Amino acid sequence: MFWIGILGGLLVATGFVPQIIKALQTRSTADLSIWMLLIIFVGGLFYTTYAVQVGNPVFVAMNGLATANTTILLILKLRFR
C-alpha cells in the first residue's frame, strides 16, 4: 500500500506539469482561472502545513511539490496577462 500512496502522490503532485509546459510554449494562460489557482494554492499551503505538523515526510514532499507547481502556474498566469 505504501507504493500506491507514493504513486498517487506523485501523479497528483506532477499533475500541473503538462499545463506549465504548455503555458511556457504558448505564452498564454488565458483559459486558466485565477480563482481556481488561488484556491488550490491556499489549500495546498494548508495541506502542506498539516503534513509538517503530522510529521510525514512523504506527505510533506508530495504536497510541497504540488503547491510549488501551483505557484509556478500562478506566476505564469500573472506574467502572461
C-alpha atoms as a PDB file:
ATOM      1  CA  MET A   1       0.000   0.000   0.000  1.00  0.00           C
ATOM      2  CA  PHE A   2       2.943   2.330   0.631  1.00  0.00           C
ATOM      3  CA  TRP A   3       3.890   2.341  -3.068  1.00  0.00           C
ATOM      4  CA  ILE A   4       0.309   3.003  -4.121  1.00  0.00           C
ATOM      5  CA  GLY A   5       0.388   6.091  -1.897  1.00  0.00           C
ATOM      6  CA  ILE A   6       3.714   7.182  -3.382  1.00  0.00           C
ATOM      7  CA  LEU A   7       2.464   6.691  -6.948  1.00  0.00           C
ATOM      8  CA  GLY A   8      -0.795   8.523  -6.252  1.00  0.00           C
ATOM      9  CA  GLY A   9       1.079  11.367  -4.588  1.00  0.00           C
ATOM     10  CA  LEU A  10       3.496  11.704  -7.496  1.00  0.00           C
ATOM     11  CA  LEU A  11       0.678  11.774 -10.026  1.00  0.00           C
ATOM     12  CA  VAL A  12      -1.204  14.453  -8.093  1.00  0.00           C
ATOM     13  CA  ALA A  13       1.973  16.426  -7.375  1.00  0.00           C
ATOM     14  CA  THR A  14       3.016  16.477 -11.032  1.00  0.00           C
ATOM     15  CA  GLY A  15      -0.475  16.903 -12.483  1.00  0.00           C
ATOM     16  CA  PHE A  16       0.113  20.539 -13.415  1.00  0.00           C
ATOM     17  CA  VAL A  17       3.439  19.913 -15.186  1.00  0.00           C
ATOM     18  CA  PRO A  18       1.845  19.461 -18.655  1.00  0.00           C
ATOM     19  CA  GLN A  19      -0.067  22.729 -18.149  1.00  0.00           C
ATOM     20  CA  ILE A  20       3.120  24.517 -17.076  1.00  0.00           C
ATOM     21  CA  ILE A  21       4.905  23.274 -20.209  1.00  0.00           C
ATOM     22  CA  LYS A  22       2.007  24.333 -22.452  1.00  0.00           C
ATOM     23  CA  ALA A  23       1.826  27.788 -20.838  1.00  0.00           C
ATOM     24  CA  LEU A  24       5.556  28.279 -21.372  1.00  0.00           C
ATOM     25  CA  GLN A  25       5.367  27.136 -25.002  1.00  0.00           C
ATOM     26  CA  THR A  26       2.307  29.202 -25.950  1.00  0.00           C
ATOM     27  CA  ARG A  27       2.936  32.097 -23.557  1.00  0.00           C
ATOM     28  CA  SER A  28      -0.769  32.011 -22.798  1.00  0.00           C
ATOM     29  CA  THR A  29      -2.712  31.295 -19.624  1.00  0.00           C
ATOM     30  CA  ALA A  30      -5.929  32.997 -20.709  1.00  0.00           C
ATOM     31  CA  ASP A  31      -8.005  29.851 -20.220  1.00  0.00           C
ATOM     32  CA  LEU A  32      -6.787  29.264 -16.660  1.00  0.00           C
ATOM     33  CA  SER A  33      -8.985  30.584 -13.876  1.00  0.00           C
ATOM     34  CA  ILE A  34      -7.044  32.712 -11.392  1.00  0.00           C
ATOM     35  CA  TRP A  35      -9.603  31.761  -8.728  1.00  0.00           C
ATOM     36  CA  MET A  36      -9.038  28.042  -9.286  1.00  0.00           C
ATOM     37  CA  LEU A  37      -5.287  28.519  -8.985  1.00  0.00           C
ATOM     38  CA  LEU A  38      -5.640  30.630  -5.828  1.00  0.00           C
ATOM     39  CA  ILE A  39      -7.982  28.120  -4.178  1.00  0.00           C
ATOM     40  CA  ILE A  40      -5.674  25.196  -4.993  1.00  0.00           C
ATOM     41  CA  PHE A  41      -2.645  27.217  -3.825  1.00  0.00           C
ATOM     42  CA  VAL A  42      -4.172  28.136  -0.447  1.00  0.00           C
ATOM     43  CA  GLY A  43      -5.475  24.597   0.005  1.00  0.00           C
ATOM     44  CA  GLY A  44      -2.004  23.270  -0.796  1.00  0.00           C
ATOM     45  CA  LEU A  45      -0.436  25.565   1.793  1.00  0.00           C
ATOM     46  CA  PHE A  46      -2.874  24.353   4.442  1.00  0.00           C
ATOM     47  CA  TYR A  47      -2.383  20.723   3.433  1.00  0.00           C
ATOM     48  CA  THR A  48       1.418  21.038   3.475  1.00  0.00           C
ATOM     49  CA  THR A  49       1.304  22.754   6.873  1.00  0.00           C
ATOM     50  CA  TYR A  50      -0.817  19.887   8.182  1.00  0.00           C
ATOM     51  CA  ALA A  51       1.621  17.344   6.721  1.00  0.00           C
ATOM     52  CA  VAL A  52       4.515  19.074   8.506  1.00  0.00           C
ATOM     53  CA  GLN A  53       2.587  19.012  11.792  1.00  0.00           C
ATOM     54  CA  VAL A  54       1.807  15.308  11.378  1.00  0.00           C
ATOM     55  CA  GLY A  55       5.466  14.656  10.565  1.00  0.00           C
ATOM     56  CA  ASN A  56       5.039  12.524   7.460  1.00  0.00           C
ATOM     57  CA  PRO A  57       7.958  13.315   5.101  1.00  0.00           C
ATOM     58  CA  VAL A  58       6.341  11.679   2.058  1.00  0.00           C
ATOM     59  CA  PHE A  59       3.145  13.657   2.613  1.00  0.00           C
ATOM     60  CA  VAL A  60       5.185  16.854   3.046  1.00  0.00           C
ATOM     61  CA  ALA A  61       7.178  16.223  -0.152  1.00  0.00           C
ATOM     62  CA  MET A  62       4.152  15.416  -2.313  1.00  0.00           C
ATOM     63  CA  ASN A  63       2.114  18.371  -1.073  1.00  0.00           C
ATOM     64  CA  GLY A  64       5.112  20.677  -1.264  1.00  0.00           C
ATOM     65  CA  LEU A  65       5.713  19.690  -4.894  1.00  0.00           C
ATOM     66  CA  ALA A  66       2.040  20.118  -5.789  1.00  0.00           C
ATOM     67  CA  THR A  67       1.974  23.548  -4.144  1.00  0.00           C
ATOM     68  CA  ALA A  68       5.191  24.525  -5.937  1.00  0.00           C
ATOM     69  CA  ASN A  69       3.657  23.584  -9.291  1.00  0.00           C
ATOM     70  CA  THR A  70       0.553  25.624  -8.479  1.00  0.00           C
ATOM     71  CA  THR A  71       2.811  28.546  -7.540  1.00  0.00           C
ATOM     72  CA  ILE A  72       4.558  28.302 -10.911  1.00  0.00           C
ATOM     73  CA  LEU A  73       1.212  28.387 -12.717  1.00  0.00           C
ATOM     74  CA  LEU A  74       0.105  31.385 -10.658  1.00  0.00           C
ATOM     75  CA  ILE A  75       3.293  33.229 -11.580  1.00  0.00           C
ATOM     76  CA  LEU A  76       2.810  32.359 -15.254  1.00  0.00           C
ATOM     77  CA  LYS A  77      -0.830  33.476 -15.070  1.00  0.00           C
ATOM     78  CA  LEU A  78       0.237  36.861 -13.740  1.00  0.00           C
ATOM     79  CA  ARG A  79       3.175  37.159 -16.139  1.00  0.00           C
ATOM     80  CA  PHE A  80       1.261  36.312 -19.321  1.00  0.00           C
ATOM     81  CA  ARG A  81      -1.737  38.569 -18.624  1.00  0.00           C
END
